[in-house]
Amino acid sequence: MRLTSFLVREAIVPELSVRANGVDPSNPQQVLDVKTRVIREMVEALHAAGHFRKDELEDIVKAVIRREQLGTTGIGQGIAIPHSRHPSVHELVGTLGLSPGGLPFESLDNEPVYVVFLLVSPQERPGDHLRALEAIVRT
């Protein structure tokens, strides 16, 4: 699978509005707040590109956060891949957000995240979801 098969160009966020000023990276609640704001901004970008209805936004954000709370998606080397499967999603979609200043994300290497890939897919297509994650990791 190639990134171009699911990455929504119109939803790419060249500079995330979320900043980490004053955030203590050792404070789990503050880090969760940063993650939630990043995920919300990226889900809203996918909505603006025509991929989710407005009334689905909050539920999709919550689903991605629930997945994030199972274990960090900050894989290290400045990259995070928050993701979830969701019943209201009918096709695999993803977007990319950049943070020039870096964000705390409880990454495996404890380093800030500069590149965030968000991935949302239909519940009934776990194979596509895993192939998309693999495509991101290989890039």
Protein backbone atom coordinates (compact mmCIF):
# COMPACT_ATOMS: atom_id res chain seq x y z
CA MET A 1 0.00 0.00 0.00
CA ARG A 2 1.23 3.50 -0.82
CA LEU A 3 0.71 6.64 1.26
CA THR A 4 -0.94 8.29 -1.73
CA SER A 5 -3.72 5.69 -1.65
CA PHE A 6 -5.10 6.99 1.67
CA LEU A 7 -3.42 10.31 2.49
CA VAL A 8 -5.89 13.14 1.85
CA ARG A 9 -3.84 15.93 0.32
CA GLU A 10 -6.50 18.59 1.06
CA ALA A 11 -6.40 17.68 4.76
CA ILE A 12 -2.65 18.01 5.28
CA VAL A 13 -1.85 20.51 8.04
CA PRO A 14 1.52 22.10 7.13
CA GLU A 15 1.79 23.71 10.57
CA LEU A 16 -0.34 22.49 13.44
CA SER A 17 -1.77 25.30 15.56
CA VAL A 18 -1.13 23.36 18.79
CA ARG A 19 1.88 24.59 20.75
CA ALA A 20 3.62 23.03 23.73
CA ASN A 21 4.52 26.27 25.52
CA GLY A 22 4.31 25.68 29.27
CA VAL A 23 3.44 21.99 28.89
CA ASP A 24 5.28 19.69 31.29
CA PRO A 25 6.11 16.54 29.26
CA SER A 26 6.16 14.52 32.49
CA ASN A 27 2.55 15.51 33.29
CA PRO A 28 0.28 12.89 31.67
CA GLN A 29 -2.82 15.11 31.79
CA GLN A 30 -1.06 18.00 30.05
CA VAL A 31 0.32 15.65 27.39
CA LEU A 32 -3.14 14.11 26.87
CA ASP A 33 -4.53 17.62 26.36
CA VAL A 34 -1.89 18.29 23.67
CA LYS A 35 -2.64 14.96 21.97
CA THR A 36 -6.39 15.65 22.04
CA ARG A 37 -5.97 19.10 20.48
CA VAL A 38 -3.67 17.72 17.75
CA ILE A 39 -6.05 14.87 16.95
CA ARG A 40 -9.06 17.22 16.91
CA GLU A 41 -7.31 19.63 14.53
CA MET A 42 -6.44 16.80 12.16
CA VAL A 43 -9.91 15.19 12.29
CA GLU A 44 -11.39 18.63 11.55
CA ALA A 45 -9.05 18.91 8.54
CA LEU A 46 -10.39 15.60 7.22
CA HIS A 47 -13.94 16.88 7.80
CA ALA A 48 -13.16 20.09 5.90
CA ALA A 49 -11.89 17.91 3.03
CA GLY A 50 -15.27 16.15 2.94
CA HIS A 51 -14.49 12.89 4.72
CA PHE A 52 -16.58 13.08 7.90
CA ARG A 53 -19.90 14.66 8.81
CA LYS A 54 -19.74 17.39 11.44
CA ASP A 55 -21.85 15.34 13.86
CA GLU A 56 -19.27 12.50 13.68
CA LEU A 57 -16.22 14.61 14.59
CA GLU A 58 -16.32 14.35 18.37
CA ASP A 59 -16.96 10.61 18.34
CA ILE A 60 -14.03 10.02 15.96
CA VAL A 61 -11.74 12.18 18.13
CA LYS A 62 -12.81 10.17 21.20
CA ALA A 63 -12.15 6.87 19.40
CA VAL A 64 -8.62 7.95 18.45
CA ILE A 65 -7.96 9.16 22.01
CA ARG A 66 -9.25 5.85 23.45
CA ARG A 67 -6.77 4.03 21.21
CA GLU A 68 -4.01 6.43 22.28
CA GLN A 69 -4.74 5.69 25.94
CA LEU A 70 -4.11 1.97 25.32
CA GLY A 71 -0.52 2.83 24.44
CA THR A 72 1.28 5.73 22.89
CA THR A 73 1.42 6.02 19.12
CA GLY A 74 4.54 8.17 19.40
CA ILE A 75 6.85 5.65 17.73
CA GLY A 76 10.05 7.66 18.14
CA GLN A 77 12.35 9.70 15.92
CA GLY A 78 9.87 12.59 16.01
CA ILE A 79 6.91 10.64 14.58
CA ALA A 80 3.47 9.76 15.97
CA ILE A 81 0.71 7.78 14.26
CA PRO A 82 -2.55 8.22 16.19
CA HIS A 83 -5.13 5.93 14.63
CA SER A 84 -8.44 4.17 15.11
CA ARG A 85 -11.11 2.21 13.31
CA HIS A 86 -14.60 3.71 13.45
CA PRO A 87 -18.09 2.53 12.39
CA SER A 88 -19.02 5.78 10.63
CA VAL A 89 -15.93 5.70 8.40
CA HIS A 90 -16.47 4.06 5.02
CA GLU A 91 -12.98 4.30 3.57
CA LEU A 92 -9.44 4.37 4.88
CA VAL A 93 -8.30 8.00 5.21
CA GLY A 94 -5.26 9.67 6.65
CA THR A 95 -3.64 13.03 6.96
CA LEU A 96 -0.36 14.53 8.02
CA GLY A 97 0.38 17.38 10.43
CA LEU A 98 3.70 19.08 11.10
CA SER A 99 4.87 20.77 14.29
CA PRO A 100 8.10 22.72 13.73
CA GLY A 101 8.53 23.29 17.48
CA GLY A 102 7.78 19.70 18.48
CA LEU A 103 5.10 18.37 20.82
CA PRO A 104 5.18 16.08 23.85
CA PHE A 105 3.52 12.79 22.86
CA GLU A 106 4.88 10.24 25.36
CA SER A 107 6.97 8.83 22.51
CA LEU A 108 8.83 5.58 22.96
CA ASP A 109 12.14 7.49 22.81
CA ASN A 110 10.80 10.31 25.06
CA GLU A 111 11.57 12.86 22.32
CA PRO A 112 9.15 15.49 20.97
CA VAL A 113 7.01 14.71 17.92
CA TYR A 114 7.37 16.84 14.79
CA VAL A 115 5.40 14.73 12.31
CA VAL A 116 1.93 13.36 13.06
CA PHE A 117 0.13 10.93 10.75
CA LEU A 118 -3.55 10.44 11.61
CA LEU A 119 -5.24 7.33 10.27
CA VAL A 120 -8.95 6.41 10.49
CA SER A 121 -10.46 3.36 8.84
CA PRO A 122 -13.66 1.31 8.72
CA GLN A 123 -14.06 -1.26 11.50
CA GLU A 124 -14.62 -4.07 9.04
CA ARG A 125 -11.29 -3.51 7.22
CA PRO A 126 -8.53 -4.26 9.78
CA GLY A 127 -6.17 -5.55 7.08
CA ASP A 128 -6.21 -2.21 5.25
CA HIS A 129 -5.65 -0.43 8.55
CA LEU A 130 -2.56 -2.52 9.31
CA ARG A 131 -1.19 -2.14 5.77
CA ALA A 132 -1.57 1.65 6.03
CA LEU A 133 0.30 1.68 9.36
CA GLU A 134 3.03 -0.39 7.75
CA ALA A 135 3.24 2.02 4.79
CA ILE A 136 3.69 4.96 7.16
CA VAL A 137 6.37 3.22 9.21
CA ARG A 138 8.30 2.23 6.09
CA THR A 139 8.33 5.79 4.71
